[in-house]
Amino acid sequence: MQRELDQKLGVAASTLNRILTGTSRISPEMALRLSKALGRSPESWLAMQSNYDLWQTKQHVKLGKVGKVRLTAA
């Protein structure tokens, strides 16, 4: 199935493999390709990528020393 998908997307097998293994991100261009080949909107593909990126970041970023800033109206 992966071979058929990379052909339908018009990308190299290695490109699709990097996305599937999480070593490459879904770009806006790839989101358009995925949308046409598989359905869902390009925005939904990019939103899924963004959600994954945020989840990955939460696993590694330490926020213990980050404090809140109180904003006041001028």
PDB file of N, CA and C in Angstrom:
ATOM      1  N   MET A   1       0.819  -1.194   0.000  1.00  0.00           N
ATOM      2  CA  MET A   1       0.000   0.000   0.000  1.00  0.00           C
ATOM      3  C   MET A   1       0.867   1.263   0.000  1.00  0.00           C
ATOM      4  N   GLN A   2       1.998   1.232   0.719  1.00  0.00           N
ATOM      5  CA  GLN A   2       2.845   2.423   0.779  1.00  0.00           C
ATOM      6  C   GLN A   2       3.378   2.775  -0.606  1.00  0.00           C
ATOM      7  N   ARG A   3       3.715   1.770  -1.386  1.00  0.00           N
ATOM      8  CA  ARG A   3       4.228   2.029  -2.738  1.00  0.00           C
ATOM      9  C   ARG A   3       3.150   2.695  -3.594  1.00  0.00           C
ATOM     10  N   GLU A   4       1.926   2.208  -3.498  1.00  0.00           N
ATOM     11  CA  GLU A   4       0.831   2.815  -4.256  1.00  0.00           C
ATOM     12  C   GLU A   4       0.602   4.250  -3.797  1.00  0.00           C
ATOM     13  N   LEU A   5       0.671   4.471  -2.489  1.00  0.00           N
ATOM     14  CA  LEU A   5       0.426   5.811  -1.964  1.00  0.00           C
ATOM     15  C   LEU A   5       1.503   6.789  -2.409  1.00  0.00           C
ATOM     16  N   ASP A   6       2.770   6.397  -2.348  1.00  0.00           N
ATOM     17  CA  ASP A   6       3.801   7.348  -2.784  1.00  0.00           C
ATOM     18  C   ASP A   6       3.661   7.666  -4.269  1.00  0.00           C
ATOM     19  N   GLN A   7       3.220   6.690  -5.061  1.00  0.00           N
ATOM     20  CA  GLN A   7       2.983   6.953  -6.483  1.00  0.00           C
ATOM     21  C   GLN A   7       1.806   7.901  -6.679  1.00  0.00           C
ATOM     22  N   LYS A   8       0.725   7.668  -5.944  1.00  0.00           N
ATOM     23  CA  LYS A   8      -0.455   8.537  -6.058  1.00  0.00           C
ATOM     24  C   LYS A   8      -0.150   9.953  -5.590  1.00  0.00           C
ATOM     25  N   LEU A   9       0.699  10.068  -4.576  1.00  0.00           N
ATOM     26  CA  LEU A   9       1.076  11.388  -4.067  1.00  0.00           C
ATOM     27  C   LEU A   9       2.083  12.084  -4.976  1.00  0.00           C
ATOM     28  N   GLY A  10       2.774  11.309  -5.810  1.00  0.00           N
ATOM     29  CA  GLY A  10       3.793  11.875  -6.678  1.00  0.00           C
ATOM     30  C   GLY A  10       5.060  12.242  -5.934  1.00  0.00           C
ATOM     31  N   VAL A  11       5.400  11.437  -4.917  1.00  0.00           N
ATOM     32  CA  VAL A  11       6.613  11.686  -4.128  1.00  0.00           C
ATOM     33  C   VAL A  11       7.453  10.414  -4.087  1.00  0.00           C
ATOM     34  N   ALA A  12       8.716  10.580  -3.739  1.00  0.00           N
ATOM     35  CA  ALA A  12       9.609   9.429  -3.593  1.00  0.00           C
ATOM     36  C   ALA A  12       9.172   8.581  -2.401  1.00  0.00           C
ATOM     37  N   ALA A  13       9.425   7.295  -2.496  1.00  0.00           N
ATOM     38  CA  ALA A  13       9.094   6.388  -1.396  1.00  0.00           C
ATOM     39  C   ALA A  13       9.783   6.825  -0.111  1.00  0.00           C
ATOM     40  N   SER A  14      11.009   7.318  -0.232  1.00  0.00           N
ATOM     41  CA  SER A  14      11.751   7.751   0.959  1.00  0.00           C
ATOM     42  C   SER A  14      11.089   8.953   1.629  1.00  0.00           C
ATOM     43  N   THR A  15      10.493   9.826   0.833  1.00  0.00           N
ATOM     44  CA  THR A  15       9.796  10.996   1.391  1.00  0.00           C
ATOM     45  C   THR A  15       8.611  10.553   2.231  1.00  0.00           C
ATOM     46  N   LEU A  16       7.801   9.672   1.673  1.00  0.00           N
ATOM     47  CA  LEU A  16       6.639   9.178   2.407  1.00  0.00           C
ATOM     48  C   LEU A  16       7.079   8.396   3.639  1.00  0.00           C
ATOM     49  N   ASN A  17       8.115   7.601   3.515  1.00  0.00           N
ATOM     50  CA  ASN A  17       8.605   6.823   4.651  1.00  0.00           C
ATOM     51  C   ASN A  17       9.047   7.727   5.796  1.00  0.00           C
ATOM     52  N   ARG A  18       9.722   8.827   5.487  1.00  0.00           N
ATOM     53  CA  ARG A  18      10.157   9.757   6.543  1.00  0.00           C
ATOM     54  C   ARG A  18       8.954  10.366   7.264  1.00  0.00           C
ATOM     55  N   ILE A  19       7.890  10.649   6.540  1.00  0.00           N
ATOM     56  CA  ILE A  19       6.682  11.184   7.183  1.00  0.00           C
ATOM     57  C   ILE A  19       6.047  10.117   8.067  1.00  0.00           C
ATOM     58  N   LEU A  20       5.944   8.909   7.549  1.00  0.00           N
ATOM     59  CA  LEU A  20       5.308   7.827   8.306  1.00  0.00           C
ATOM     60  C   LEU A  20       6.091   7.435   9.549  1.00  0.00           C
ATOM     61  N   THR A  21       7.401   7.596   9.518  1.00  0.00           N
ATOM     62  CA  THR A  21       8.217   7.258  10.687  1.00  0.00           C
ATOM     63  C   THR A  21       8.407   8.440  11.630  1.00  0.00           C
ATOM     64  N   GLY A  22       7.893   9.598  11.253  1.00  0.00           N
ATOM     65  CA  GLY A  22       7.964  10.763  12.128  1.00  0.00           C
ATOM     66  C   GLY A  22       9.267  11.527  12.051  1.00  0.00           C
ATOM     67  N   THR A  23      10.116  11.220  11.070  1.00  0.00           N
ATOM     68  CA  THR A  23      11.371  11.959  10.951  1.00  0.00           C
ATOM     69  C   THR A  23      11.245  13.196  10.068  1.00  0.00           C
ATOM     70  N   SER A  24      10.146  13.300   9.328  1.00  0.00           N
ATOM     71  CA  SER A  24       9.842  14.505   8.546  1.00  0.00           C
ATOM     72  C   SER A  24       8.426  14.949   8.871  1.00  0.00           C
ATOM     73  N   ARG A  25       8.204  16.236   8.728  1.00  0.00           N
ATOM     74  CA  ARG A  25       6.894  16.814   9.021  1.00  0.00           C
ATOM     75  C   ARG A  25       6.032  16.839   7.761  1.00  0.00           C
ATOM     76  N   ILE A  26       4.733  16.983   7.951  1.00  0.00           N
ATOM     77  CA  ILE A  26       3.821  17.213   6.834  1.00  0.00           C
ATOM     78  C   ILE A  26       3.875  18.699   6.506  1.00  0.00           C
ATOM     79  N   SER A  27       4.352  19.007   5.319  1.00  0.00           N
ATOM     80  CA  SER A  27       4.447  20.396   4.864  1.00  0.00           C
ATOM     81  C   SER A  27       3.106  20.821   4.265  1.00  0.00           C
ATOM     82  N   PRO A  28       2.907  22.120   4.050  1.00  0.00           N
ATOM     83  CA  PRO A  28       1.681  22.552   3.372  1.00  0.00           C
ATOM     84  C   PRO A  28       1.506  21.877   2.007  1.00  0.00           C
ATOM     85  N   GLU A  29       2.605  21.723   1.274  1.00  0.00           N
ATOM     86  CA  GLU A  29       2.513  21.051  -0.030  1.00  0.00           C
ATOM     87  C   GLU A  29       2.069  19.605   0.132  1.00  0.00           C
ATOM     88  N   MET A  30       2.658  18.903   1.098  1.00  0.00           N
ATOM     89  CA  MET A  30       2.278  17.511   1.331  1.00  0.00           C
ATOM     90  C   MET A  30       0.837  17.424   1.818  1.00  0.00           C
ATOM     91  N   ALA A  31       0.402  18.388   2.609  1.00  0.00           N
ATOM     92  CA  ALA A  31      -0.990  18.406   3.072  1.00  0.00           C
ATOM     93  C   ALA A  31      -1.946  18.499   1.886  1.00  0.00           C
ATOM     94  N   LEU A  32      -1.592  19.296   0.888  1.00  0.00           N
ATOM     95  CA  LEU A  32      -2.421  19.384  -0.322  1.00  0.00           C
ATOM     96  C   LEU A  32      -2.445  18.052  -1.057  1.00  0.00           C
ATOM     97  N   ARG A  33      -1.293  17.408  -1.155  1.00  0.00           N
ATOM     98  CA  ARG A  33      -1.216  16.109  -1.834  1.00  0.00           C
ATOM     99  C   ARG A  33      -2.029  15.049  -1.081  1.00  0.00           C
ATOM    100  N   LEU A  34      -1.867  15.004   0.240  1.00  0.00           N
ATOM    101  CA  LEU A  34      -2.615  14.037   1.047  1.00  0.00           C
ATOM    102  C   LEU A  34      -4.114  14.281   0.949  1.00  0.00           C
ATOM    103  N   SER A  35      -4.499  15.536   0.936  1.00  0.00           N
ATOM    104  CA  SER A  35      -5.909  15.881   0.831  1.00  0.00           C
ATOM    105  C   SER A  35      -6.509  15.338  -0.459  1.00  0.00           C
ATOM    106  N   LYS A  36      -5.800  15.532  -1.554  1.00  0.00           N
ATOM    107  CA  LYS A  36      -6.311  15.058  -2.839  1.00  0.00           C
ATOM    108  C   LYS A  36      -6.327  13.537  -2.912  1.00  0.00           C
ATOM    109  N   ALA A  37      -5.286  12.889  -2.394  1.00  0.00           N
ATOM    110  CA  ALA A  37      -5.170  11.434  -2.502  1.00  0.00           C
ATOM    111  C   ALA A  37      -6.040  10.676  -1.505  1.00  0.00           C
ATOM    112  N   LEU A  38      -6.169  11.206  -0.285  1.00  0.00           N
ATOM    113  CA  LEU A  38      -6.823  10.452   0.784  1.00  0.00           C
ATOM    114  C   LEU A  38      -8.096  11.086   1.324  1.00  0.00           C
ATOM    115  N   GLY A  39      -8.335  12.346   0.960  1.00  0.00           N
ATOM    116  CA  GLY A  39      -9.475  13.042   1.534  1.00  0.00           C
ATOM    117  C   GLY A  39      -9.045  13.856   2.736  1.00  0.00           C
ATOM    118  N   ARG A  40     -10.008  14.369   3.456  1.00  0.00           N
ATOM    119  CA  ARG A  40      -9.772  15.315   4.555  1.00  0.00           C
ATOM    120  C   ARG A  40      -9.207  16.596   3.968  1.00  0.00           C
ATOM    121  N   SER A  41      -9.396  17.665   4.657  1.00  0.00           N
ATOM    122  CA  SER A  41      -8.916  18.953   4.158  1.00  0.00           C
ATOM    123  C   SER A  41      -7.417  19.091   4.411  1.00  0.00           C
ATOM    124  N   PRO A  42      -6.737  19.933   3.611  1.00  0.00           N
ATOM    125  CA  PRO A  42      -5.323  20.187   3.891  1.00  0.00           C
ATOM    126  C   PRO A  42      -5.134  20.763   5.292  1.00  0.00           C
ATOM    127  N   GLU A  43      -6.088  21.581   5.716  1.00  0.00           N
ATOM    128  CA  GLU A  43      -6.015  22.169   7.053  1.00  0.00           C
ATOM    129  C   GLU A  43      -6.027  21.096   8.137  1.00  0.00           C
ATOM    130  N   SER A  44      -6.807  20.035   7.932  1.00  0.00           N
ATOM    131  CA  SER A  44      -6.851  18.974   8.947  1.00  0.00           C
ATOM    132  C   SER A  44      -5.525  18.218   9.004  1.00  0.00           C
ATOM    133  N   TRP A  45      -4.876  18.006   7.853  1.00  0.00           N
ATOM    134  CA  TRP A  45      -3.564  17.353   7.857  1.00  0.00           C
ATOM    135  C   TRP A  45      -2.541  18.203   8.595  1.00  0.00           C
ATOM    136  N   LEU A  46      -2.581  19.518   8.351  1.00  0.00           N
ATOM    137  CA  LEU A  46      -1.642  20.414   9.036  1.00  0.00           C
ATOM    138  C   LEU A  46      -1.956  20.508  10.526  1.00  0.00           C
ATOM    139  N   ALA A  47      -3.239  20.470  10.881  1.00  0.00           N
ATOM    140  CA  ALA A  47      -3.620  20.504  12.298  1.00  0.00           C
ATOM    141  C   ALA A  47      -3.126  19.251  13.017  1.00  0.00           C
ATOM    142  N   MET A  48      -3.246  18.105  12.359  1.00  0.00           N
ATOM    143  CA  MET A  48      -2.739  16.867  12.968  1.00  0.00           C
ATOM    144  C   MET A  48      -1.229  16.946  13.169  1.00  0.00           C
ATOM    145  N   GLN A  49      -0.519  17.518  12.195  1.00  0.00           N
ATOM    146  CA  GLN A  49       0.931  17.679  12.332  1.00  0.00           C
ATOM    147  C   GLN A  49       1.250  18.602  13.495  1.00  0.00           C
ATOM    148  N   SER A  50       0.518  19.701  13.593  1.00  0.00           N
ATOM    149  CA  SER A  50       0.745  20.660  14.673  1.00  0.00           C
ATOM    150  C   SER A  50       0.477  20.028  16.037  1.00  0.00           C
ATOM    151  N   ASN A  51      -0.604  19.261  16.139  1.00  0.00           N
ATOM    152  CA  ASN A  51      -0.918  18.576  17.395  1.00  0.00           C
ATOM    153  C   ASN A  51       0.174  17.571  17.766  1.00  0.00           C
ATOM    154  N   TYR A  52       0.683  16.857  16.790  1.00  0.00           N
ATOM    155  CA  TYR A  52       1.771  15.902  17.035  1.00  0.00           C
ATOM    156  C   TYR A  52       3.031  16.633  17.491  1.00  0.00           C
ATOM    157  N   ASP A  53       3.357  17.738  16.820  1.00  0.00           N
ATOM    158  CA  ASP A  53       4.538  18.521  17.201  1.00  0.00           C
ATOM    159  C   ASP A  53       4.428  19.011  18.641  1.00  0.00           C
ATOM    160  N   LEU A  54       3.248  19.508  19.016  1.00  0.00           N
ATOM    161  CA  LEU A  54       3.043  19.998  20.375  1.00  0.00           C
ATOM    162  C   LEU A  54       3.172  18.858  21.381  1.00  0.00           C
ATOM    163  N   TRP A  55       2.592  17.711  21.079  1.00  0.00           N
ATOM    164  CA  TRP A  55       2.693  16.554  21.970  1.00  0.00           C
ATOM    165  C   TRP A  55       4.162  16.158  22.159  1.00  0.00           C
ATOM    166  N   GLN A  56       4.910  16.093  21.036  1.00  0.00           N
ATOM    167  CA  GLN A  56       6.329  15.743  21.114  1.00  0.00           C
ATOM    168  C   GLN A  56       7.086  16.740  21.984  1.00  0.00           C
ATOM    169  N   THR A  57       6.813  18.011  21.806  1.00  0.00           N
ATOM    170  CA  THR A  57       7.502  19.056  22.556  1.00  0.00           C
ATOM    171  C   THR A  57       7.191  18.957  24.042  1.00  0.00           C
ATOM    172  N   LYS A  58       5.944  18.675  24.386  1.00  0.00           N
ATOM    173  CA  LYS A  58       5.559  18.546  25.793  1.00  0.00           C
ATOM    174  C   LYS A  58       6.324  17.428  26.489  1.00  0.00           C
ATOM    175  N   GLN A  59       6.770  16.432  25.736  1.00  0.00           N
ATOM    176  CA  GLN A  59       7.511  15.317  26.320  1.00  0.00           C
ATOM    177  C   GLN A  59       8.919  15.727  26.753  1.00  0.00           C
ATOM    178  N   HIS A  60       9.438  16.830  26.178  1.00  0.00           N
ATOM    179  CA  HIS A  60      10.848  17.168  26.386  1.00  0.00           C
ATOM    180  C   HIS A  60      11.105  18.523  27.028  1.00  0.00           C
ATOM    181  N   VAL A  61      10.179  19.440  26.933  1.00  0.00           N
ATOM    182  CA  VAL A  61      10.419  20.798  27.432  1.00  0.00           C
ATOM    183  C   VAL A  61      10.099  20.866  28.922  1.00  0.00           C
ATOM    184  N   LYS A  62      11.021  21.415  29.674  1.00  0.00           N
ATOM    185  CA  LYS A  62      10.835  21.609  31.116  1.00  0.00           C
ATOM    186  C   LYS A  62      10.366  23.045  31.341  1.00  0.00           C
ATOM    187  N   LEU A  63       9.216  23.201  31.951  1.00  0.00           N
ATOM    188  CA  LEU A  63       8.634  24.527  32.158  1.00  0.00           C
ATOM    189  C   LEU A  63       8.671  24.969  33.613  1.00  0.00           C
ATOM    190  N   GLY A  64       9.384  24.244  34.452  1.00  0.00           N
ATOM    191  CA  GLY A  64       9.416  24.547  35.877  1.00  0.00           C
ATOM    192  C   GLY A  64       9.879  25.950  36.217  1.00  0.00           C
ATOM    193  N   LYS A  65      10.789  26.500  35.452  1.00  0.00           N
ATOM    194  CA  LYS A  65      11.326  27.828  35.752  1.00  0.00           C
ATOM    195  C   LYS A  65      10.607  28.948  35.003  1.00  0.00           C
ATOM    196  N   VAL A  66       9.585  28.609  34.252  1.00  0.00           N
ATOM    197  CA  VAL A  66       8.837  29.623  33.512  1.00  0.00           C
ATOM    198  C   VAL A  66       7.729  30.154  34.404  1.00  0.00           C
ATOM    199  N   GLY A  67       7.685  31.469  34.563  1.00  0.00           N
ATOM    200  CA  GLY A  67       6.666  32.084  35.402  1.00  0.00           C
ATOM    201  C   GLY A  67       5.607  32.789  34.575  1.00  0.00           C
ATOM    202  N   LYS A  68       4.514  33.130  35.236  1.00  0.00           N
ATOM    203  CA  LYS A  68       3.437  33.862  34.579  1.00  0.00           C
ATOM    204  C   LYS A  68       3.737  35.348  34.587  1.00  0.00           C
ATOM    205  N   VAL A  69       3.310  36.010  33.550  1.00  0.00           N
ATOM    206  CA  VAL A  69       3.439  37.463  33.450  1.00  0.00           C
ATOM    207  C   VAL A  69       2.043  38.046  33.581  1.00  0.00           C
ATOM    208  N   ARG A  70       1.922  39.017  34.472  1.00  0.00           N
ATOM    209  CA  ARG A  70       0.620  39.686  34.614  1.00  0.00           C
ATOM    210  C   ARG A  70       0.617  40.907  33.716  1.00  0.00           C
ATOM    211  N   LEU A  71      -0.311  40.927  32.803  1.00  0.00           N
ATOM    212  CA  LEU A  71      -0.433  42.049  31.882  1.00  0.00           C
ATOM    213  C   LEU A  71      -1.479  43.013  32.419  1.00  0.00           C
ATOM    214  N   THR A  72      -1.157  44.289  32.363  1.00  0.00           N
ATOM    215  CA  THR A  72      -2.113  45.301  32.806  1.00  0.00           C
ATOM    216  C   THR A  72      -2.421  46.225  31.648  1.00  0.00           C
ATOM    217  N   ALA A  73      -3.631  46.713  31.630  1.00  0.00           N
ATOM    218  CA  ALA A  73      -4.035  47.645  30.574  1.00  0.00           C
ATOM    219  C   ALA A  73      -3.384  49.000  30.824  1.00  0.00           C
ATOM    220  N   ALA A  74      -2.979  49.651  29.769  1.00  0.00           N
ATOM    221  CA  ALA A  74      -2.325  50.960  29.902  1.00  0.00           C
ATOM    222  C   ALA A  74      -3.346  52.070  29.934  1.00  0.00           C
TER     223      ALA A  74
END
